[in-house]
Amino acid sequence: MIGFKQNDRWRAARWALGIGIALAAGCQPDAGTDPAQPIPSLASAPILITNARIYTMDAGDTLIASGAMAFSADGEILGIGDSEPMANAFPAAELIDLEGRTVLPGLIDGHGHLYGLALAYTQADLVGTTSTSDVLERLRRFAADLPEGDWLLGHGWDQNDWPEPVFPGREDLDAEFPDRPVWLVRIDGHAGWANSAALAQADRDLSGDWQPQGGHIQRDAEGLATGILIDRAMAWVERAVPPPSDQIIDATLDRAVQTLLSLGLTGVHDPGVNRAVVDRYREKIRNGTMPLRVYAMADGAGETLDWLCAEGPVNHPSGRLVMRSVKLYTDGALGSRGAALLEDYSDDPDNRGLLFDTDADLQAKMRRAMACGLQLGVHAIGDRANRQVLDAYAALLPEFPDNPGRHRVEHAQVLNPADIPRFTELGVIAAMQPIHATSDMYWADERLGPERLPGAYAWNSLLQSGAILAFGSDFPVEAVNPMLGIYAAVTRQDLEGWPAGGWQAKERLDRADAVRAFTLNAAYAAFMEGDIGSLETGKRADFIVVDRDLMSVPAEEIPQVKVLQTWVDGQRVFER
């Protein structure tokens, strides 16, 4: 059974004697679901879920085929084992019979933008558009409800999915919206599409022949901006975009949290947030409206890092908010040809992407964070960017022997094979998103050529080299649903089963490794493995109940696995 073993009778017998078991340390809620407030249990009696198929994800990959788990009213796991001896050990417990359903630890998205998802809910959704005219049609419908003069914002377009996979321009938007500023962010968040009204509000003249470091302004033959701004060039327009009101973002953040809970996510690593977002999360915890664990990562080497260095890491007593990490960037994305490559793009000669900083500048930023005792998570997609980050870690780690480590590379999408073993050698975590591979596989070979594909989205090669994989989705760039990520990791196929056998099939993972990357490994990447990530005595009762056995159903059924219940700290926070 995919690496899991049955819980043995010896431990069950010990429970019967009263000795106990100590195990070593995209979507939105379906119609008709209840995005519930926590359902209270008996004030002091423990709760015992029983008659469940429990995958603990502990160090031994223990499966308890007819299992039970007891936890206290405040959410600490008191014991776990076979149903009958557990019932004898906890005779006063409040019983919940799960009727043979499957239980897993709460899933953790190791790289998902919770606040970004809330913002996305305030904008036109352009995901899945098939042409410029399709984009314009969605914008017309969305703009119908906008007050006059408001910016028209959207996200999710991808020119690679259009019949002619080239960047659009401002003229298409100008014809439909000549006066209202329009700003549309590409699906990867690394390119923006503006009309002339939005370009006019940029805080610098974007015409000419100059280019910003780490960014690119597309211009026509006359030197005028076409409306496409890539990576750091986006900032010239983004600074002019007005933020949504507090009331709107508060409502959409509630919606985002409930979406995650409905899909079995009990935690998320939110990379690149500022102090204002952290304060908003704290306020929601105070109000009792944050039934989710957030591991926040500061937005670069700026004011939020200065604040963290001065005040020290955030560790909310509720366990719902931790911030001890900093997110930096080294390059752009592959889809917009901003990922920094060692050699030219195969489909764009003389273009090697965008490296955001010199080696010295990147190391100076990393040094600031490491000197404050903070973890680093550095965005790197291209093989040149990944090498730059690994070289920086190799240079800096000896300077800070007391830093707690567990530094990360966010994405690690395209690696030179020679750099794969360096993750293990340096103790660097590969924080990756399996669903990116199945989104990019239709055109990645055109960007990279066959000689670079062996190092692309190389999960199994990293795992076999000894690296720790922490998986996420990068929502709202991709769909929130972690089952899609698990499916992608196991099959390397799209939802129609293409290609047969999987794309670059040697990089597939087995289900235990894929689920571990969304549970215990993701917890480890946030220094939380002592409390969450597996179901063991003494840990927190964060778990989910699903409608079928994720570990044994045919692979093509994994995307259809539904979450029936989500529990955080022993409280049921979602029920379908």
Protein backbone atom coordinates (compact mmCIF):
# COMPACT_ATOMS: atom_id res chain seq x y z
CA MET A 1 0.00 0.00 0.00
CA ILE A 2 2.16 2.83 -1.36
CA GLY A 3 4.60 2.75 1.48
CA PHE A 4 2.13 2.71 4.38
CA LYS A 5 1.97 -0.07 6.95
CA GLN A 6 -0.87 -1.36 9.06
CA ASN A 7 -0.92 -0.32 12.71
CA ASP A 8 0.15 -3.44 14.61
CA ARG A 9 -1.83 -5.26 17.30
CA TRP A 10 0.89 -4.85 19.89
CA ARG A 11 0.25 -1.12 20.18
CA ALA A 12 -3.50 -1.68 20.20
CA ALA A 13 -3.11 -4.08 23.10
CA ARG A 14 -1.13 -1.51 25.05
CA TRP A 15 -4.01 0.94 24.65
CA ALA A 16 -6.41 -1.70 25.89
CA LEU A 17 -4.31 -1.91 29.05
CA GLY A 18 -4.61 1.84 29.46
CA ILE A 19 -0.95 2.49 28.76
CA GLY A 20 -1.65 4.45 25.57
CA ILE A 21 -0.05 5.05 22.24
CA ALA A 22 2.61 7.71 21.73
CA LEU A 23 3.51 8.15 18.12
CA ALA A 24 6.84 9.83 17.57
CA ALA A 25 7.15 13.17 17.13
CA GLY A 26 -9.72 26.64 -7.40
CA CYS A 27 -12.06 26.59 -6.49
CA GLN A 28 -14.67 27.87 -4.08
CA PRO A 29 -16.93 26.04 -1.65
CA ASP A 30 -19.58 24.01 -3.40
CA ALA A 31 -23.14 25.28 -3.36
CA GLY A 32 -24.88 24.01 -0.27
CA THR A 33 -21.73 23.80 1.84
CA ASP A 34 -21.53 25.39 5.24
CA PRO A 35 -18.48 27.63 5.64
CA ALA A 36 -19.11 27.20 9.32
CA GLN A 37 -17.92 28.92 12.40
CA PRO A 38 -16.26 26.34 14.66
CA ILE A 39 -18.82 23.83 15.91
CA PRO A 40 -18.48 23.65 19.70
CA SER A 41 -17.90 20.36 21.42
CA LEU A 42 -18.52 19.38 25.04
CA ALA A 43 -16.75 21.87 27.30
CA SER A 44 -14.28 19.50 28.94
CA ALA A 45 -14.67 15.99 27.54
CA PRO A 46 -12.25 14.92 24.82
CA ILE A 47 -13.51 14.15 21.34
CA LEU A 48 -12.94 10.73 19.81
CA ILE A 49 -13.28 10.27 16.07
CA THR A 50 -13.67 6.58 15.41
CA ASN A 51 -14.18 4.05 12.63
CA ALA A 52 -11.86 5.95 10.28
CA ARG A 53 -9.08 5.03 7.88
CA ILE A 54 -6.28 7.23 9.23
CA TYR A 55 -3.11 8.12 7.35
CA THR A 56 -0.94 9.67 10.03
CA MET A 57 1.97 10.81 7.81
CA ASP A 58 4.24 10.16 10.80
CA ALA A 59 7.88 9.08 10.45
CA GLY A 60 6.79 5.47 9.89
CA ASP A 61 4.00 6.31 7.42
CA THR A 62 1.55 4.56 9.70
CA LEU A 63 -1.85 3.61 8.34
CA ILE A 64 -4.54 2.69 10.87
CA ALA A 65 -7.12 0.85 8.80
CA SER A 66 -9.93 0.99 11.39
CA GLY A 67 -8.68 3.78 13.55
CA ALA A 68 -9.61 6.36 16.10
CA MET A 69 -8.06 9.58 17.35
CA ALA A 70 -8.75 11.37 20.60
CA PHE A 71 -8.13 15.05 21.13
CA SER A 72 -8.87 17.51 23.87
CA ALA A 73 -11.34 20.36 23.76
CA ASP A 74 -8.43 22.75 23.18
CA GLY A 75 -7.17 20.74 20.21
CA GLU A 76 -4.27 18.59 21.46
CA ILE A 77 -4.11 15.03 20.14
CA LEU A 78 -4.31 12.70 23.16
CA GLY A 79 -3.91 9.38 21.41
CA ILE A 80 -4.36 7.54 18.15
CA GLY A 81 -4.82 3.85 17.44
CA ASP A 82 -7.34 1.11 16.66
CA SER A 83 -10.97 2.00 17.33
CA GLU A 84 -11.93 -0.52 20.03
CA PRO A 85 -9.00 -0.02 22.40
CA MET A 86 -9.19 3.73 21.89
CA ALA A 87 -12.85 3.68 22.89
CA ASN A 88 -11.89 1.77 26.03
CA ALA A 89 -9.12 4.25 26.80
CA PHE A 90 -11.43 7.26 26.46
CA PRO A 91 -14.82 6.10 27.78
CA ALA A 92 -16.06 9.64 28.51
CA ALA A 93 -15.19 11.06 25.10
CA GLU A 94 -17.67 12.64 22.74
CA LEU A 95 -17.87 10.08 19.91
CA ILE A 96 -17.91 10.94 16.22
CA ASP A 97 -18.31 7.88 13.99
CA LEU A 98 -16.77 8.57 10.58
CA GLU A 99 -18.24 5.39 9.08
CA GLY A 100 -15.04 4.21 7.44
CA ARG A 101 -14.08 7.49 5.79
CA THR A 102 -10.47 8.52 5.24
CA VAL A 103 -8.65 10.96 7.53
CA LEU A 104 -5.46 12.82 6.65
CA PRO A 105 -3.49 15.55 8.36
CA GLY A 106 -4.63 19.01 7.36
CA LEU A 107 -3.00 19.98 4.07
CA ILE A 108 -0.62 22.94 3.97
CA ASP A 109 -0.03 25.03 0.88
CA GLY A 110 3.69 25.79 1.02
CA HIS A 111 3.43 28.75 -1.38
CA GLY A 112 0.03 30.37 -1.82
CA HIS A 113 -0.92 34.02 -1.80
CA LEU A 114 -3.84 34.28 0.62
CA TYR A 115 -3.96 38.07 0.49
CA GLY A 116 -3.40 37.90 -3.27
CA LEU A 117 -6.43 35.61 -3.58
CA ALA A 118 -8.52 38.11 -1.64
CA LEU A 119 -7.37 40.85 -4.02
CA ALA A 120 -8.12 38.65 -7.03
CA TYR A 121 -11.73 38.35 -5.88
CA THR A 122 -12.06 42.13 -6.31
CA GLN A 123 -10.97 41.99 -9.99
CA ALA A 124 -12.14 40.61 -13.32
CA ASP A 125 -11.23 36.94 -13.63
CA LEU A 126 -9.44 36.36 -16.94
CA VAL A 127 -8.24 32.82 -16.26
CA GLY A 128 -9.00 30.55 -19.20
CA THR A 129 -9.60 33.31 -21.73
CA THR A 130 -8.88 32.09 -25.24
CA SER A 131 -8.27 35.33 -27.14
CA THR A 132 -8.11 39.10 -26.85
CA SER A 133 -11.79 39.31 -27.78
CA ASP A 134 -12.62 36.86 -24.99
CA VAL A 135 -10.73 39.09 -22.53
CA LEU A 136 -12.65 42.15 -23.75
CA GLU A 137 -15.99 40.41 -23.35
CA ARG A 138 -15.24 39.50 -19.73
CA LEU A 139 -14.03 43.06 -19.06
CA ARG A 140 -17.23 44.53 -20.50
CA ARG A 141 -19.35 42.41 -18.16
CA PHE A 142 -17.20 43.27 -15.14
CA ALA A 143 -17.07 46.99 -15.95
CA ALA A 144 -20.87 47.21 -16.14
CA ASP A 145 -21.01 47.34 -12.33
CA LEU A 146 -18.02 49.65 -11.80
CA PRO A 147 -18.55 53.27 -10.76
CA GLU A 148 -17.52 55.83 -13.35
CA GLY A 149 -13.82 56.68 -13.12
CA ASP A 150 -12.80 53.54 -11.20
CA TRP A 151 -9.87 51.54 -12.55
CA LEU A 152 -10.79 48.34 -14.36
CA LEU A 153 -8.53 45.65 -12.91
CA GLY A 154 -8.18 42.05 -13.96
CA HIS A 155 -5.90 39.06 -13.61
CA GLY A 156 -5.21 35.67 -15.16
CA TRP A 157 -4.74 36.19 -18.91
CA ASP A 158 -2.18 33.99 -20.67
CA GLN A 159 -1.25 34.70 -24.27
CA ASN A 160 0.26 31.21 -24.54
CA ASP A 161 -3.30 29.84 -24.61
CA TRP A 162 -4.40 32.05 -27.51
CA PRO A 163 -4.39 31.09 -31.21
CA GLU A 164 -1.53 33.53 -31.78
CA PRO A 165 0.62 33.30 -28.62
CA VAL A 166 2.04 36.83 -28.69
CA PHE A 167 1.63 39.67 -26.23
CA PRO A 168 -1.36 41.97 -26.85
CA GLY A 169 -1.15 45.77 -26.81
CA ARG A 170 -2.83 48.89 -25.50
CA GLU A 171 -4.82 49.50 -28.69
CA ASP A 172 -7.23 46.62 -28.03
CA LEU A 173 -8.05 48.02 -24.61
CA ASP A 174 -8.16 51.64 -25.82
CA ALA A 175 -10.85 50.86 -28.40
CA GLU A 176 -13.17 49.48 -25.71
CA PHE A 177 -12.13 51.65 -22.74
CA PRO A 178 -10.72 54.96 -24.02
CA ASP A 179 -11.13 56.86 -20.74
CA ARG A 180 -11.17 54.35 -17.87
CA PRO A 181 -7.69 53.15 -16.76
CA VAL A 182 -7.30 49.40 -17.37
CA TRP A 183 -4.58 47.25 -15.76
CA LEU A 184 -4.56 43.48 -16.29
CA VAL A 185 -1.97 41.23 -14.63
CA ARG A 186 -0.81 38.11 -16.44
CA ILE A 187 -1.56 34.72 -14.85
CA ASP A 188 1.96 34.37 -13.42
CA GLY A 189 1.93 37.85 -11.88
CA HIS A 190 5.08 38.76 -13.82
CA ALA A 191 3.62 40.89 -16.62
CA GLY A 192 0.94 43.52 -16.90
CA TRP A 193 -1.19 44.83 -19.78
CA ALA A 194 -2.25 48.48 -19.64
CA ASN A 195 -4.31 50.78 -21.80
CA SER A 196 -3.25 54.33 -22.62
CA ALA A 197 -5.26 55.82 -19.75
CA ALA A 198 -3.38 53.63 -17.26
CA LEU A 199 0.00 54.31 -18.88
CA ALA A 200 -0.71 58.03 -18.58
CA GLN A 201 -0.93 57.65 -14.80
CA ALA A 202 2.46 55.95 -14.50
CA ASP A 203 4.85 57.95 -12.35
CA ARG A 204 7.46 58.05 -15.11
CA ASP A 205 7.40 58.58 -18.85
CA LEU A 206 7.68 55.04 -20.24
CA SER A 207 8.73 56.02 -23.75
CA GLY A 208 12.31 56.03 -25.03
CA ASP A 209 14.96 53.35 -25.11
CA TRP A 210 15.80 52.89 -21.42
CA GLN A 211 14.93 49.76 -19.41
CA PRO A 212 14.70 49.21 -15.66
CA GLN A 213 16.94 46.69 -13.89
CA GLY A 214 15.06 43.40 -13.69
CA GLY A 215 12.22 44.57 -15.90
CA HIS A 216 11.27 45.21 -19.50
CA ILE A 217 9.01 47.77 -21.18
CA GLN A 218 7.78 46.62 -24.56
CA ARG A 219 7.87 49.49 -27.05
CA ASP A 220 6.87 50.00 -30.67
CA ALA A 221 9.07 51.28 -33.49
CA GLU A 222 8.50 54.86 -32.34
CA GLY A 223 9.70 54.12 -28.81
CA LEU A 224 6.22 54.27 -27.23
CA ALA A 225 5.12 51.72 -24.63
CA THR A 226 2.87 49.08 -26.17
CA GLY A 227 1.12 48.47 -22.82
CA ILE A 228 3.05 45.32 -21.85
CA LEU A 229 5.27 45.77 -18.79
CA ILE A 230 7.29 42.81 -17.51
CA ASP A 231 8.43 42.21 -13.92
CA ARG A 232 9.94 45.29 -12.29
CA ALA A 233 8.64 47.52 -15.06
CA MET A 234 5.13 46.83 -13.75
CA ALA A 235 5.77 49.00 -10.71
CA TRP A 236 5.48 52.23 -12.71
CA VAL A 237 1.76 51.59 -13.22
CA GLU A 238 1.02 49.55 -10.11
CA ARG A 239 1.93 52.44 -7.84
CA ALA A 240 -0.94 54.40 -9.40
CA VAL A 241 -3.57 51.68 -8.84
CA PRO A 242 -5.86 52.59 -5.92
CA PRO A 243 -6.28 49.87 -3.27
CA PRO A 244 -9.70 48.34 -2.56
CA SER A 245 -11.61 49.60 0.45
CA ASP A 246 -11.12 47.99 3.85
CA GLN A 247 -14.70 46.69 3.78
CA ILE A 248 -14.27 44.99 0.42
CA ILE A 249 -10.91 43.38 1.19
CA ASP A 250 -12.16 42.20 4.58
CA ALA A 251 -15.07 40.43 2.90
CA THR A 252 -12.96 38.90 0.14
CA LEU A 253 -10.37 37.74 2.67
CA ASP A 254 -13.12 35.87 4.53
CA ARG A 255 -14.13 34.32 1.22
CA ALA A 256 -10.52 33.32 0.50
CA VAL A 257 -10.13 31.68 3.92
CA GLN A 258 -13.32 29.69 3.49
CA THR A 259 -12.23 28.58 0.03
CA LEU A 260 -9.02 27.14 1.49
CA LEU A 261 -10.84 25.38 4.32
CA SER A 262 -13.36 23.85 1.90
CA LEU A 263 -10.46 22.31 -0.03
CA GLY A 264 -8.75 20.77 2.99
CA LEU A 265 -6.09 23.42 3.59
CA THR A 266 -5.55 24.12 7.26
CA GLY A 267 -2.43 26.21 6.65
CA VAL A 268 -0.75 28.35 4.00
CA HIS A 269 2.67 29.94 3.55
CA ASP A 270 1.87 33.45 2.27
CA PRO A 271 4.99 34.83 0.55
CA GLY A 272 5.61 38.52 0.07
CA VAL A 273 3.25 40.34 2.46
CA ASN A 274 3.83 43.65 4.20
CA ARG A 275 3.23 44.80 7.73
CA ALA A 276 -0.24 46.14 6.91
CA VAL A 277 -1.35 42.68 5.78
CA VAL A 278 0.11 41.12 8.93
CA ASP A 279 -1.87 43.63 11.01
CA ARG A 280 -5.00 42.72 9.07
CA TYR A 281 -4.43 39.02 9.83
CA ARG A 282 -3.94 39.83 13.51
CA GLU A 283 -7.21 41.73 13.57
CA LYS A 284 -9.06 38.80 12.05
CA ILE A 285 -7.57 36.48 14.67
CA ARG A 286 -8.77 38.86 17.40
CA ASN A 287 -12.23 38.84 15.83
CA GLY A 288 -12.30 35.04 15.64
CA THR A 289 -12.50 35.03 11.83
CA MET A 290 -9.17 33.40 10.96
CA PRO A 291 -9.65 29.61 11.39
CA LEU A 292 -6.48 28.99 9.37
CA ARG A 293 -2.73 28.91 10.06
CA VAL A 294 -0.73 31.51 8.11
CA TYR A 295 3.05 31.43 7.80
CA ALA A 296 3.76 34.90 6.44
CA MET A 297 6.91 35.87 4.55
CA ALA A 298 7.96 39.52 4.38
CA ASP A 299 7.91 41.32 1.05
CA GLY A 300 11.57 41.80 0.28
CA ALA A 301 14.40 43.79 1.80
CA GLY A 302 12.33 46.86 2.66
CA GLU A 303 10.30 48.34 5.48
CA THR A 304 8.72 45.06 6.58
CA LEU A 305 12.15 43.45 6.95
CA ASP A 306 13.34 46.48 8.92
CA TRP A 307 10.35 46.08 11.23
CA LEU A 308 10.94 42.34 11.69
CA CYS A 309 14.60 42.93 12.48
CA ALA A 310 13.70 45.58 15.05
CA GLU A 311 10.74 43.80 16.70
CA GLY A 312 11.65 40.16 16.20
CA PRO A 313 9.60 37.38 14.58
CA VAL A 314 5.81 37.31 14.87
CA ASN A 315 4.50 34.28 16.74
CA HIS A 316 0.84 34.81 17.60
CA PRO A 317 -0.19 32.90 20.74
CA SER A 318 -3.14 31.39 18.86
CA GLY A 319 -0.74 29.56 16.53
CA ARG A 320 -2.65 31.07 13.60
CA LEU A 321 0.06 33.54 12.51
CA VAL A 322 3.84 33.18 12.34
CA MET A 323 6.24 35.46 10.49
CA ARG A 324 9.95 34.67 10.59
CA SER A 325 10.82 34.56 6.92
CA VAL A 326 11.61 36.96 4.05
CA LYS A 327 10.66 36.56 0.38
CA LEU A 328 13.15 37.85 -2.21
CA TYR A 329 13.12 37.69 -6.02
CA THR A 330 15.88 36.90 -8.47
CA ASP A 331 14.06 36.62 -11.81
CA GLY A 332 10.72 36.58 -13.59
CA ALA A 333 8.61 33.77 -15.00
CA LEU A 334 9.05 31.33 -17.86
CA GLY A 335 5.72 32.11 -19.52
CA SER A 336 6.63 35.78 -20.01
CA ARG A 337 10.29 34.93 -20.80
CA GLY A 338 11.48 36.72 -17.69
CA ALA A 339 13.01 33.62 -16.06
CA ALA A 340 16.80 34.06 -16.07
CA LEU A 341 18.50 31.31 -18.11
CA LEU A 342 22.14 30.31 -18.50
CA GLU A 343 21.66 30.21 -22.29
CA ASP A 344 19.26 31.92 -24.70
CA TYR A 345 15.60 31.01 -24.85
CA SER A 346 15.16 28.37 -27.52
CA ASP A 347 12.24 30.33 -29.00
CA ASP A 348 13.76 33.80 -28.51
CA PRO A 349 17.44 34.07 -29.50
CA ASP A 350 19.52 36.70 -27.69
CA ASN A 351 17.09 36.69 -24.74
CA ARG A 352 18.24 35.06 -21.50
CA GLY A 353 15.49 36.56 -19.32
CA LEU A 354 15.72 39.03 -16.46
CA LEU A 355 18.09 38.74 -13.54
CA PHE A 356 16.80 41.20 -10.97
CA ASP A 357 20.01 41.84 -9.01
CA THR A 358 23.74 41.49 -9.35
CA ASP A 359 25.29 38.75 -7.25
CA ALA A 360 26.60 41.36 -4.81
CA ASP A 361 23.22 43.11 -4.45
CA LEU A 362 21.33 39.85 -3.92
CA GLN A 363 23.82 38.71 -1.30
CA ALA A 364 23.56 42.05 0.49
CA LYS A 365 19.77 41.61 0.78
CA MET A 366 20.12 38.01 1.93
CA ARG A 367 22.78 39.00 4.46
CA ARG A 368 20.41 41.53 6.06
CA ALA A 369 17.76 38.87 6.66
CA MET A 370 20.18 36.20 7.85
CA ALA A 371 21.82 38.63 10.27
CA CYS A 372 18.39 39.11 11.90
CA GLY A 373 18.02 35.36 12.41
CA LEU A 374 15.34 35.06 9.73
CA GLN A 375 14.67 32.37 7.16
CA LEU A 376 14.97 33.22 3.48
CA GLY A 377 12.66 32.13 0.67
CA VAL A 378 14.11 33.27 -2.65
CA HIS A 379 12.09 33.16 -5.87
CA ALA A 380 14.11 31.52 -8.65
CA ILE A 381 12.65 29.98 -11.80
CA GLY A 382 15.35 29.88 -14.47
CA ASP A 383 18.56 27.84 -14.19
CA ARG A 384 20.67 31.03 -14.06
CA ALA A 385 18.57 32.42 -11.22
CA ASN A 386 18.65 29.14 -9.28
CA ARG A 387 22.43 28.99 -9.61
CA GLN A 388 22.74 32.57 -8.41
CA VAL A 389 20.68 31.77 -5.30
CA LEU A 390 22.54 28.55 -4.54
CA ASP A 391 25.86 30.35 -4.97
CA ALA A 392 24.66 33.04 -2.57
CA TYR A 393 23.64 30.46 0.04
CA ALA A 394 27.03 28.75 -0.33
CA ALA A 395 28.79 32.07 0.27
CA LEU A 396 26.62 33.28 3.16
CA LEU A 397 25.77 30.23 5.25
CA PRO A 398 29.25 30.03 6.83
CA GLU A 399 28.88 33.67 7.92
CA PHE A 400 25.81 32.90 10.01
CA PRO A 401 26.29 29.58 11.81
CA ASP A 402 23.67 30.56 14.42
CA ASN A 403 20.96 31.34 11.91
CA PRO A 404 18.22 28.66 12.27
CA GLY A 405 18.45 27.86 8.57
CA ARG A 406 15.81 25.93 6.62
CA HIS A 407 16.31 28.45 3.84
CA ARG A 408 14.28 27.91 0.73
CA VAL A 409 14.21 28.35 -3.02
CA GLU A 410 10.70 29.26 -4.10
CA HIS A 411 9.71 27.48 -7.35
CA ALA A 412 13.13 26.01 -8.37
CA GLN A 413 11.53 25.27 -11.71
CA VAL A 414 14.43 24.94 -14.12
CA LEU A 415 17.71 23.58 -12.75
CA ASN A 416 20.99 22.72 -14.35
CA PRO A 417 21.42 19.04 -13.39
CA ALA A 418 24.75 19.88 -11.75
CA ASP A 419 22.89 22.10 -9.27
CA ILE A 420 20.35 19.50 -8.12
CA PRO A 421 22.56 17.89 -5.43
CA ARG A 422 23.45 21.32 -4.05
CA PHE A 423 20.05 21.62 -2.36
CA THR A 424 20.95 18.72 -0.09
CA GLU A 425 24.55 19.83 0.36
CA LEU A 426 23.42 23.30 1.47
CA GLY A 427 20.36 22.17 3.43
CA VAL A 428 18.09 24.27 1.20
CA ILE A 429 14.40 23.37 0.88
CA ALA A 430 12.88 23.17 -2.60
CA ALA A 431 9.50 24.92 -2.23
CA MET A 432 7.85 23.84 -5.47
CA GLN A 433 4.41 23.78 -7.10
CA PRO A 434 3.63 20.59 -9.06
CA ILE A 435 0.72 22.14 -10.91
CA HIS A 436 3.11 24.55 -12.65
CA ALA A 437 4.55 21.63 -14.59
CA THR A 438 1.20 20.52 -15.97
CA SER A 439 0.31 24.12 -16.83
CA ASP A 440 3.62 24.81 -18.57
CA MET A 441 4.26 21.47 -20.28
CA TYR A 442 2.43 22.48 -23.48
CA TRP A 443 5.06 25.11 -24.33
CA ALA A 444 7.99 24.61 -21.92
CA ASP A 445 9.92 22.59 -24.50
CA GLU A 446 9.66 25.53 -26.91
CA ARG A 447 11.12 27.89 -24.30
CA LEU A 448 13.83 25.54 -23.07
CA GLY A 449 14.63 23.09 -25.86
CA PRO A 450 15.10 19.35 -25.23
CA GLU A 451 18.55 19.71 -23.68
CA ARG A 452 17.22 21.66 -20.66
CA LEU A 453 14.06 19.63 -19.99
CA PRO A 454 15.80 17.03 -17.76
CA GLY A 455 16.29 19.74 -15.13
CA ALA A 456 12.78 21.19 -15.40
CA TYR A 457 10.28 20.62 -12.58
CA ALA A 458 12.61 17.88 -11.37
CA TRP A 459 10.81 16.77 -8.20
CA ASN A 460 11.93 13.17 -8.15
CA SER A 461 15.54 14.00 -8.99
CA LEU A 462 15.61 16.47 -6.09
CA LEU A 463 13.96 13.98 -3.76
CA GLN A 464 16.34 11.16 -4.69
CA SER A 465 19.28 13.51 -4.13
CA GLY A 466 18.11 13.96 -0.53
CA ALA A 467 16.42 17.36 -0.82
CA ILE A 468 13.29 18.24 1.16
CA LEU A 469 10.30 19.12 -1.03
CA ALA A 470 7.60 21.45 0.30
CA PHE A 471 4.70 21.70 -2.12
CA GLY A 472 2.16 24.42 -2.78
CA SER A 473 0.07 25.81 -5.63
CA ASP A 474 1.09 29.48 -5.99
CA PHE A 475 -2.61 30.42 -5.99
CA PRO A 476 -4.15 32.56 -7.41
CA VAL A 477 -1.65 31.97 -10.22
CA GLU A 478 -3.01 28.40 -10.21
CA ALA A 479 -6.16 26.86 -8.77
CA VAL A 480 -6.27 26.60 -4.97
CA ASN A 481 -7.28 22.93 -4.85
CA PRO A 482 -4.33 20.89 -3.45
CA MET A 483 -5.76 17.70 -4.94
CA LEU A 484 -4.77 19.08 -8.34
CA GLY A 485 -1.21 19.48 -7.13
CA ILE A 486 -1.10 15.95 -5.75
CA TYR A 487 -2.51 14.64 -9.03
CA ALA A 488 0.09 16.59 -11.02
CA ALA A 489 2.90 15.28 -8.83
CA VAL A 490 1.75 11.66 -9.20
CA THR A 491 0.88 11.66 -12.91
CA ARG A 492 2.49 14.68 -14.62
CA GLN A 493 -0.62 14.70 -16.81
CA ASP A 494 -3.46 17.14 -17.41
CA LEU A 495 -7.02 16.36 -16.39
CA GLU A 496 -7.62 14.64 -19.74
CA GLY A 497 -4.75 12.23 -19.08
CA TRP A 498 -2.33 13.85 -21.53
CA PRO A 499 0.38 12.91 -22.25
CA ALA A 500 0.17 9.16 -21.90
CA GLY A 501 2.53 8.03 -19.18
CA GLY A 502 3.18 11.59 -18.03
CA TRP A 503 5.38 14.47 -19.20
CA GLN A 504 9.03 13.82 -18.30
CA ALA A 505 7.64 10.79 -16.45
CA LYS A 506 10.81 9.96 -14.54
CA GLU A 507 10.06 12.96 -12.33
CA ARG A 508 6.73 11.57 -11.06
CA LEU A 509 6.35 10.95 -7.33
CA ASP A 510 4.50 8.24 -5.46
CA ARG A 511 1.46 9.35 -3.47
CA ALA A 512 3.09 9.14 -0.06
CA ASP A 513 5.87 11.51 -1.12
CA ALA A 514 3.42 13.88 -2.80
CA VAL A 515 1.11 14.07 0.22
CA ARG A 516 4.08 14.40 2.60
CA ALA A 517 5.23 17.45 0.66
CA PHE A 518 1.80 19.02 1.34
CA THR A 519 1.82 18.04 5.03
CA LEU A 520 4.86 17.20 7.16
CA ASN A 521 7.45 18.68 4.81
CA ALA A 522 5.50 21.91 4.44
CA ALA A 523 5.24 22.09 8.22
CA TYR A 524 9.01 21.56 8.48
CA ALA A 525 9.61 24.38 5.99
CA ALA A 526 7.79 26.67 8.46
CA PHE A 527 9.45 25.30 11.64
CA MET A 528 6.07 23.83 12.66
CA GLU A 529 6.66 20.10 12.37
CA GLY A 530 6.51 19.73 16.16
CA ASP A 531 2.88 20.85 16.15
CA ILE A 532 1.32 20.04 12.78
CA GLY A 533 1.93 18.13 9.55
CA SER A 534 1.22 14.65 10.93
CA LEU A 535 -1.29 13.07 13.28
CA GLU A 536 0.63 12.13 16.43
CA THR A 537 0.10 12.32 20.16
CA GLY A 538 0.92 15.78 21.47
CA LYS A 539 0.40 17.56 18.16
CA ARG A 540 -2.50 19.78 17.19
CA ALA A 541 -5.69 18.21 15.86
CA ASP A 542 -5.52 19.67 12.35
CA PHE A 543 -7.04 17.08 10.02
CA ILE A 544 -9.44 16.53 7.16
CA VAL A 545 -12.04 13.91 6.31
CA VAL A 546 -12.37 13.05 2.61
CA ASP A 547 -14.96 11.15 0.63
CA ARG A 548 -12.65 8.43 -0.70
CA ASP A 549 -9.23 6.97 -0.02
CA LEU A 550 -6.83 9.41 -1.63
CA MET A 551 -4.01 6.89 -1.36
CA SER A 552 -5.67 4.05 -3.23
CA VAL A 553 -8.24 5.41 -5.69
CA PRO A 554 -7.24 5.32 -9.37
CA ALA A 555 -4.95 8.25 -10.10
CA GLU A 556 -7.49 9.83 -12.44
CA GLU A 557 -9.89 10.16 -9.48
CA ILE A 558 -7.53 12.21 -7.32
CA PRO A 559 -8.82 15.58 -8.63
CA GLN A 560 -12.36 14.51 -7.71
CA VAL A 561 -11.54 13.79 -4.05
CA LYS A 562 -13.87 15.96 -1.94
CA VAL A 563 -13.22 17.28 1.51
CA LEU A 564 -16.14 16.51 3.80
CA GLN A 565 -14.80 18.09 6.99
CA THR A 566 -11.88 20.31 7.95
CA TRP A 567 -10.70 20.58 11.56
CA VAL A 568 -8.21 23.08 12.99
CA ASP A 569 -7.12 22.94 16.63
CA GLY A 570 -9.79 20.32 17.29
CA GLN A 571 -12.57 22.58 15.99
CA ARG A 572 -14.63 21.70 12.94
CA VAL A 573 -14.27 24.78 10.74
CA PHE A 574 -15.80 23.40 7.54
CA GLU A 575 -18.40 20.75 6.78
CA ARG A 576 -19.75 19.90 3.35
